PDB file of N, CA and C in Angstrom:
ATOM      1  N   UNK A   1      19.264  -3.421  21.134  1.00  0.00           N
ATOM      2  CA  UNK A   1      18.494  -2.193  21.128  1.00  0.00           C
ATOM      3  C   UNK A   1      17.016  -2.548  21.370  1.00  0.00           C
ATOM      4  N   UNK A   2      16.453  -2.005  22.378  1.00  0.00           N
ATOM      5  CA  UNK A   2      15.068  -2.301  22.765  1.00  0.00           C
ATOM      6  C   UNK A   2      14.066  -1.469  21.948  1.00  0.00           C
ATOM      7  N   UNK A   3      12.820  -1.912  22.002  1.00  0.00           N
ATOM      8  CA  UNK A   3      11.745  -1.220  21.303  1.00  0.00           C
ATOM      9  C   UNK A   3      10.594  -1.023  22.281  1.00  0.00           C
ATOM     10  N   UNK A   4      10.009   0.144  22.293  1.00  0.00           N
ATOM     11  CA  UNK A   4       8.896   0.419  23.201  1.00  0.00           C
ATOM     12  C   UNK A   4       7.598  -0.165  22.652  1.00  0.00           C
ATOM     13  N   UNK A   5       6.750  -0.631  23.561  1.00  0.00           N
ATOM     14  CA  UNK A   5       5.459  -1.178  23.182  1.00  0.00           C
ATOM     15  C   UNK A   5       4.600  -0.172  22.441  1.00  0.00           C
ATOM     16  N   UNK A   6       4.721   1.103  22.800  1.00  0.00           N
ATOM     17  CA  UNK A   6       3.929   2.132  22.121  1.00  0.00           C
ATOM     18  C   UNK A   6       4.325   2.263  20.655  1.00  0.00           C
ATOM     19  N   UNK A   7       5.577   2.041  20.357  1.00  0.00           N
ATOM     20  CA  UNK A   7       6.042   2.089  18.957  1.00  0.00           C
ATOM     21  C   UNK A   7       5.460   0.904  18.179  1.00  0.00           C
ATOM     22  N   UNK A   8       5.440  -0.269  18.783  1.00  0.00           N
ATOM     23  CA  UNK A   8       4.848  -1.443  18.135  1.00  0.00           C
ATOM     24  C   UNK A   8       3.382  -1.157  17.811  1.00  0.00           C
ATOM     25  N   UNK A   9       2.662  -0.651  18.795  1.00  0.00           N
ATOM     26  CA  UNK A   9       1.252  -0.335  18.605  1.00  0.00           C
ATOM     27  C   UNK A   9       1.063   0.687  17.489  1.00  0.00           C
ATOM     28  N   UNK A  10       1.870   1.724  17.478  1.00  0.00           N
ATOM     29  CA  UNK A  10       1.750   2.773  16.465  1.00  0.00           C
ATOM     30  C   UNK A  10       1.993   2.221  15.063  1.00  0.00           C
ATOM     31  N   UNK A  11       3.025   1.391  14.904  1.00  0.00           N
ATOM     32  CA  UNK A  11       3.326   0.820  13.595  1.00  0.00           C
ATOM     33  C   UNK A  11       2.173  -0.060  13.093  1.00  0.00           C
ATOM     34  N   UNK A  12       1.612  -0.854  13.987  1.00  0.00           N
ATOM     35  CA  UNK A  12       0.496  -1.720  13.601  1.00  0.00           C
ATOM     36  C   UNK A  12      -0.709  -0.880  13.202  1.00  0.00           C
ATOM     37  N   UNK A  13      -1.007   0.152  13.974  1.00  0.00           N
ATOM     38  CA  UNK A  13      -2.170   1.000  13.674  1.00  0.00           C
ATOM     39  C   UNK A  13      -1.967   1.837  12.411  1.00  0.00           C
ATOM     40  N   UNK A  14      -0.742   2.150  12.083  1.00  0.00           N
ATOM     41  CA  UNK A  14      -0.488   2.863  10.817  1.00  0.00           C
ATOM     42  C   UNK A  14      -0.849   1.971   9.638  1.00  0.00           C
ATOM     43  N   UNK A  15      -0.539   0.675   9.743  1.00  0.00           N
ATOM     44  CA  UNK A  15      -0.810  -0.261   8.655  1.00  0.00           C
ATOM     45  C   UNK A  15      -2.248  -0.766   8.669  1.00  0.00           C
ATOM     46  N   UNK A  16      -2.822  -0.876   9.867  1.00  0.00           N
ATOM     47  CA  UNK A  16      -4.181  -1.397  10.042  1.00  0.00           C
ATOM     48  C   UNK A  16      -4.963  -0.400  10.896  1.00  0.00           C
ATOM     49  N   UNK A  17      -5.423   0.701  10.306  1.00  0.00           N
ATOM     50  CA  UNK A  17      -6.013   1.807  11.076  1.00  0.00           C
ATOM     51  C   UNK A  17      -7.196   1.431  11.966  1.00  0.00           C
ATOM     52  N   UNK A  18      -7.962   0.399  11.596  1.00  0.00           N
ATOM     53  CA  UNK A  18      -9.115   0.021  12.412  1.00  0.00           C
ATOM     54  C   UNK A  18      -8.744  -0.953  13.537  1.00  0.00           C
ATOM     55  N   UNK A  19      -7.500  -1.335  13.614  1.00  0.00           N
ATOM     56  CA  UNK A  19      -7.086  -2.384  14.542  1.00  0.00           C
ATOM     57  C   UNK A  19      -7.246  -1.995  16.010  1.00  0.00           C
ATOM     58  N   UNK A  20      -7.690  -2.977  16.775  1.00  0.00           N
ATOM     59  CA  UNK A  20      -7.638  -2.901  18.234  1.00  0.00           C
ATOM     60  C   UNK A  20      -6.355  -3.629  18.614  1.00  0.00           C
ATOM     61  N   UNK A  21      -5.463  -2.939  19.321  1.00  0.00           N
ATOM     62  CA  UNK A  21      -4.142  -3.495  19.615  1.00  0.00           C
ATOM     63  C   UNK A  21      -3.886  -3.453  21.112  1.00  0.00           C
ATOM     64  N   UNK A  22      -3.448  -4.578  21.656  1.00  0.00           N
ATOM     65  CA  UNK A  22      -3.039  -4.660  23.049  1.00  0.00           C
ATOM     66  C   UNK A  22      -1.633  -5.233  23.072  1.00  0.00           C
ATOM     67  N   UNK A  23      -0.693  -4.480  23.618  1.00  0.00           N
ATOM     68  CA  UNK A  23       0.701  -4.895  23.704  1.00  0.00           C
ATOM     69  C   UNK A  23       1.053  -5.121  25.169  1.00  0.00           C
ATOM     70  N   UNK A  24       1.680  -6.252  25.457  1.00  0.00           N
ATOM     71  CA  UNK A  24       2.094  -6.581  26.825  1.00  0.00           C
ATOM     72  C   UNK A  24       3.574  -6.961  26.801  1.00  0.00           C
ATOM     73  N   UNK A  25       4.370  -6.293  27.635  1.00  0.00           N
ATOM     74  CA  UNK A  25       5.774  -6.656  27.779  1.00  0.00           C
ATOM     75  C   UNK A  25       5.880  -7.958  28.554  1.00  0.00           C
ATOM     76  N   UNK A  26       6.702  -8.888  28.057  1.00  0.00           N
ATOM     77  CA  UNK A  26       6.800 -10.196  28.696  1.00  0.00           C
ATOM     78  C   UNK A  26       7.979 -10.323  29.646  1.00  0.00           C
ATOM     79  N   UNK A  27       9.052  -9.610  29.374  1.00  0.00           N
ATOM     80  CA  UNK A  27      10.253  -9.784  30.181  1.00  0.00           C
ATOM     81  C   UNK A  27      10.760  -8.480  30.785  1.00  0.00           C
ATOM     82  N   UNK A  28      10.109  -7.369  30.453  1.00  0.00           N
ATOM     83  CA  UNK A  28      10.555  -6.077  30.972  1.00  0.00           C
ATOM     84  C   UNK A  28      11.839  -5.576  30.349  1.00  0.00           C
ATOM     85  N   UNK A  29      12.247  -6.191  29.230  1.00  0.00           N
ATOM     86  CA  UNK A  29      13.513  -5.814  28.605  1.00  0.00           C
ATOM     87  C   UNK A  29      13.347  -5.044  27.295  1.00  0.00           C
ATOM     88  N   UNK A  30      12.097  -4.829  26.860  1.00  0.00           N
ATOM     89  CA  UNK A  30      11.859  -4.116  25.617  1.00  0.00           C
ATOM     90  C   UNK A  30      12.126  -4.957  24.377  1.00  0.00           C
ATOM     91  N   UNK A  31      12.413  -6.235  24.553  1.00  0.00           N
ATOM     92  CA  UNK A  31      12.694  -7.125  23.435  1.00  0.00           C
ATOM     93  C   UNK A  31      11.653  -8.219  23.257  1.00  0.00           C
ATOM     94  N   UNK A  32      10.870  -8.489  24.295  1.00  0.00           N
ATOM     95  CA  UNK A  32       9.922  -9.597  24.280  1.00  0.00           C
ATOM     96  C   UNK A  32       8.517  -9.087  24.612  1.00  0.00           C
ATOM     97  N   UNK A  33       7.606  -9.245  23.658  1.00  0.00           N
ATOM     98  CA  UNK A  33       6.245  -8.751  23.812  1.00  0.00           C
ATOM     99  C   UNK A  33       5.228  -9.789  23.373  1.00  0.00           C
ATOM    100  N   UNK A  34       4.020  -9.617  23.844  1.00  0.00           N
ATOM    101  CA  UNK A  34       2.856 -10.326  23.323  1.00  0.00           C
ATOM    102  C   UNK A  34       1.930  -9.257  22.764  1.00  0.00           C
ATOM    103  N   UNK A  35       1.261  -9.577  21.677  1.00  0.00           N
ATOM    104  CA  UNK A  35       0.344  -8.621  21.060  1.00  0.00           C
ATOM    105  C   UNK A  35      -0.949  -9.326  20.663  1.00  0.00           C
ATOM    106  N   UNK A  36      -2.067  -8.685  20.984  1.00  0.00           N
ATOM    107  CA  UNK A  36      -3.373  -9.111  20.492  1.00  0.00           C
ATOM    108  C   UNK A  36      -3.815  -8.046  19.503  1.00  0.00           C
ATOM    109  N   UNK A  37      -4.132  -8.480  18.292  1.00  0.00           N
ATOM    110  CA  UNK A  37      -4.514  -7.544  17.245  1.00  0.00           C
ATOM    111  C   UNK A  37      -5.806  -8.040  16.607  1.00  0.00           C
ATOM    112  N   UNK A  38      -6.807  -7.171  16.588  1.00  0.00           N
ATOM    113  CA  UNK A  38      -8.096  -7.485  15.954  1.00  0.00           C
ATOM    114  C   UNK A  38      -8.346  -6.427  14.884  1.00  0.00           C
ATOM    115  N   UNK A  39      -8.635  -6.907  13.672  1.00  0.00           N
ATOM    116  CA  UNK A  39      -8.860  -5.973  12.566  1.00  0.00           C
ATOM    117  C   UNK A  39      -9.790  -6.595  11.527  1.00  0.00           C
ATOM    118  N   UNK A  40     -10.622  -5.759  10.924  1.00  0.00           N
ATOM    119  CA  UNK A  40     -11.474  -6.211   9.813  1.00  0.00           C
ATOM    120  C   UNK A  40     -10.629  -6.639   8.619  1.00  0.00           C
ATOM    121  N   UNK A  41      -9.409  -6.121   8.518  1.00  0.00           N
ATOM    122  CA  UNK A  41      -8.521  -6.488   7.406  1.00  0.00           C
ATOM    123  C   UNK A  41      -8.165  -7.975   7.440  1.00  0.00           C
ATOM    124  N   UNK A  42      -8.381  -8.624   8.571  1.00  0.00           N
ATOM    125  CA  UNK A  42      -8.066 -10.045   8.709  1.00  0.00           C
ATOM    126  C   UNK A  42      -9.175 -10.955   8.190  1.00  0.00           C
ATOM    127  N   UNK A  43     -10.356 -10.405   7.902  1.00  0.00           N
ATOM    128  CA  UNK A  43     -11.464 -11.226   7.408  1.00  0.00           C
ATOM    129  C   UNK A  43     -11.027 -12.014   6.178  1.00  0.00           C
ATOM    130  N   UNK A  44     -11.306 -13.308   6.184  1.00  0.00           N
ATOM    131  CA  UNK A  44     -10.998 -14.161   5.041  1.00  0.00           C
ATOM    132  C   UNK A  44      -9.547 -14.565   4.912  1.00  0.00           C
ATOM    133  N   UNK A  45      -8.723 -14.117   5.825  1.00  0.00           N
ATOM    134  CA  UNK A  45      -7.295 -14.430   5.791  1.00  0.00           C
ATOM    135  C   UNK A  45      -6.996 -15.583   6.750  1.00  0.00           C
ATOM    136  N   UNK A  46      -6.024 -16.404   6.386  1.00  0.00           N
ATOM    137  CA  UNK A  46      -5.574 -17.465   7.292  1.00  0.00           C
ATOM    138  C   UNK A  46      -4.788 -16.843   8.444  1.00  0.00           C
ATOM    139  N   UNK A  47      -4.583 -17.608   9.481  1.00  0.00           N
ATOM    140  CA  UNK A  47      -3.810 -17.113  10.625  1.00  0.00           C
ATOM    141  C   UNK A  47      -2.404 -16.713  10.189  1.00  0.00           C
ATOM    142  N   UNK A  48      -1.801 -17.499   9.307  1.00  0.00           N
ATOM    143  CA  UNK A  48      -0.457 -17.179   8.804  1.00  0.00           C
ATOM    144  C   UNK A  48      -0.482 -15.841   8.064  1.00  0.00           C
ATOM    145  N   UNK A  49      -1.480 -15.627   7.213  1.00  0.00           N
ATOM    146  CA  UNK A  49      -1.584 -14.363   6.485  1.00  0.00           C
ATOM    147  C   UNK A  49      -1.788 -13.188   7.435  1.00  0.00           C
ATOM    148  N   UNK A  50      -2.591 -13.383   8.479  1.00  0.00           N
ATOM    149  CA  UNK A  50      -2.803 -12.325   9.471  1.00  0.00           C
ATOM    150  C   UNK A  50      -1.491 -11.958  10.143  1.00  0.00           C
ATOM    151  N   UNK A  51      -0.723 -12.958  10.536  1.00  0.00           N
ATOM    152  CA  UNK A  51       0.558 -12.698  11.197  1.00  0.00           C
ATOM    153  C   UNK A  51       1.528 -12.017  10.239  1.00  0.00           C
ATOM    154  N   UNK A  52       1.528 -12.431   8.981  1.00  0.00           N
ATOM    155  CA  UNK A  52       2.390 -11.784   7.989  1.00  0.00           C
ATOM    156  C   UNK A  52       2.047 -10.309   7.846  1.00  0.00           C
ATOM    157  N   UNK A  53       0.760  -9.983   7.922  1.00  0.00           N
ATOM    158  CA  UNK A  53       0.338  -8.581   7.829  1.00  0.00           C
ATOM    159  C   UNK A  53       0.880  -7.773   9.006  1.00  0.00           C
ATOM    160  N   UNK A  54       0.859  -8.360  10.193  1.00  0.00           N
ATOM    161  CA  UNK A  54       1.382  -7.661  11.371  1.00  0.00           C
ATOM    162  C   UNK A  54       2.891  -7.509  11.257  1.00  0.00           C
ATOM    163  N   UNK A  55       3.591  -8.569  10.864  1.00  0.00           N
ATOM    164  CA  UNK A  55       5.045  -8.475  10.714  1.00  0.00           C
ATOM    165  C   UNK A  55       5.424  -7.436   9.669  1.00  0.00           C
ATOM    166  N   UNK A  56       4.672  -7.369   8.571  1.00  0.00           N
ATOM    167  CA  UNK A  56       4.935  -6.353   7.543  1.00  0.00           C
ATOM    168  C   UNK A  56       4.754  -4.954   8.112  1.00  0.00           C
ATOM    169  N   UNK A  57       3.767  -4.789   8.989  1.00  0.00           N
ATOM    170  CA  UNK A  57       3.519  -3.480   9.610  1.00  0.00           C
ATOM    171  C   UNK A  57       4.696  -3.030  10.471  1.00  0.00           C
ATOM    172  N   UNK A  58       5.468  -3.982  10.971  1.00  0.00           N
ATOM    173  CA  UNK A  58       6.596  -3.648  11.846  1.00  0.00           C
ATOM    174  C   UNK A  58       7.833  -3.187  11.073  1.00  0.00           C
ATOM    175  N   UNK A  59       7.738  -3.164   9.761  1.00  0.00           N
ATOM    176  CA  UNK A  59       8.761  -2.568   8.892  1.00  0.00           C
ATOM    177  C   UNK A  59      10.169  -3.056   9.178  1.00  0.00           C
ATOM    178  N   UNK A  60      10.347  -4.357   9.283  1.00  0.00           N
ATOM    179  CA  UNK A  60      11.681  -4.927   9.453  1.00  0.00           C
ATOM    180  C   UNK A  60      12.242  -4.884  10.862  1.00  0.00           C
ATOM    181  N   UNK A  61      11.473  -4.418  11.828  1.00  0.00           N
ATOM    182  CA  UNK A  61      11.965  -4.346  13.208  1.00  0.00           C
ATOM    183  C   UNK A  61      12.047  -5.730  13.874  1.00  0.00           C
ATOM    184  N   UNK A  62      11.246  -6.706  13.371  1.00  0.00           N
ATOM    185  CA  UNK A  62      11.292  -8.057  13.916  1.00  0.00           C
ATOM    186  C   UNK A  62      12.666  -8.645  13.664  1.00  0.00           C
ATOM    187  N   UNK A  63      13.280  -9.184  14.700  1.00  0.00           N
ATOM    188  CA  UNK A  63      14.614  -9.751  14.564  1.00  0.00           C
ATOM    189  C   UNK A  63      15.710  -8.710  14.752  1.00  0.00           C
ATOM    190  N   UNK A  64      15.327  -7.449  14.802  1.00  0.00           N
ATOM    191  CA  UNK A  64      16.286  -6.377  15.049  1.00  0.00           C
ATOM    192  C   UNK A  64      16.027  -5.801  16.428  1.00  0.00           C
ATOM    193  N   UNK A  65      15.379  -4.643  16.466  1.00  0.00           N
ATOM    194  CA  UNK A  65      15.057  -4.000  17.738  1.00  0.00           C
ATOM    195  C   UNK A  65      14.047  -4.814  18.530  1.00  0.00           C
ATOM    196  N   UNK A  66      13.242  -5.610  17.839  1.00  0.00           N
ATOM    197  CA  UNK A  66      12.230  -6.433  18.489  1.00  0.00           C
ATOM    198  C   UNK A  66      12.628  -7.894  18.329  1.00  0.00           C
ATOM    199  N   UNK A  67      12.956  -8.539  19.427  1.00  0.00           N
ATOM    200  CA  UNK A  67      13.462  -9.915  19.377  1.00  0.00           C
ATOM    201  C   UNK A  67      12.341 -10.946  19.291  1.00  0.00           C
ATOM    202  N   UNK A  68      11.272 -10.787  20.085  1.00  0.00           N
ATOM    203  CA  UNK A  68      10.217 -11.790  20.124  1.00  0.00           C
ATOM    204  C   UNK A  68       8.849 -11.123  20.272  1.00  0.00           C
ATOM    205  N   UNK A  69       7.888 -11.626  19.487  1.00  0.00           N
ATOM    206  CA  UNK A  69       6.527 -11.112  19.555  1.00  0.00           C
ATOM    207  C   UNK A  69       5.562 -12.294  19.457  1.00  0.00           C
ATOM    208  N   UNK A  70       4.897 -12.593  20.555  1.00  0.00           N
ATOM    209  CA  UNK A  70       3.878 -13.636  20.560  1.00  0.00           C
ATOM    210  C   UNK A  70       2.584 -12.992  20.071  1.00  0.00           C
ATOM    211  N   UNK A  71       2.080 -13.466  18.946  1.00  0.00           N
ATOM    212  CA  UNK A  71       0.917 -12.833  18.309  1.00  0.00           C
ATOM    213  C   UNK A  71      -0.356 -13.639  18.472  1.00  0.00           C
ATOM    214  N   UNK A  72      -1.435 -12.903  18.735  1.00  0.00           N
ATOM    215  CA  UNK A  72      -2.789 -13.458  18.697  1.00  0.00           C
ATOM    216  C   UNK A  72      -3.592 -12.503  17.833  1.00  0.00           C
ATOM    217  N   UNK A  73      -4.059 -12.985  16.689  1.00  0.00           N
ATOM    218  CA  UNK A  73      -4.790 -12.133  15.757  1.00  0.00           C
ATOM    219  C   UNK A  73      -6.200 -12.675  15.557  1.00  0.00           C
ATOM    220  N   UNK A  74      -7.117 -11.769  15.219  1.00  0.00           N
ATOM    221  CA  UNK A  74      -8.488 -12.177  14.935  1.00  0.00           C
ATOM    222  C   UNK A  74      -9.201 -11.067  14.167  1.00  0.00           C
ATOM    223  N   UNK A  75     -10.296 -11.481  13.521  1.00  0.00           N
ATOM    224  CA  UNK A  75     -11.192 -10.530  12.869  1.00  0.00           C
ATOM    225  C   UNK A  75     -12.436 -10.405  13.729  1.00  0.00           C
ATOM    226  N   UNK A  76     -13.036  -9.217  13.802  1.00  0.00           N
ATOM    227  CA  UNK A  76     -14.275  -9.070  14.582  1.00  0.00           C
ATOM    228  C   UNK A  76     -15.389  -9.915  13.982  1.00  0.00           C
ATOM    229  N   UNK A  77     -16.300 -10.344  14.820  1.00  0.00           N
ATOM    230  CA  UNK A  77     -17.433 -11.172  14.366  1.00  0.00           C
ATOM    231  C   UNK A  77     -18.471 -10.335  13.661  1.00  0.00           C
TER     232      UNK A  77
END
């Protein structure tokens, strides 16, 4: 079952309202995406913690409807 990039973006923005989110489909199959996410909520967090926050925002869709997500996260300067 595929997942639309717009749904990924919406879920992330629901959890991180200030986030700048860019979603790119990698294989055209709705299962493989890359995401760049920038949020003030990431300040002071390790890269692992930032990624955990994004995965939590996806509400269990990782490994189900969403097979692969290459993440790049950052906090604004």
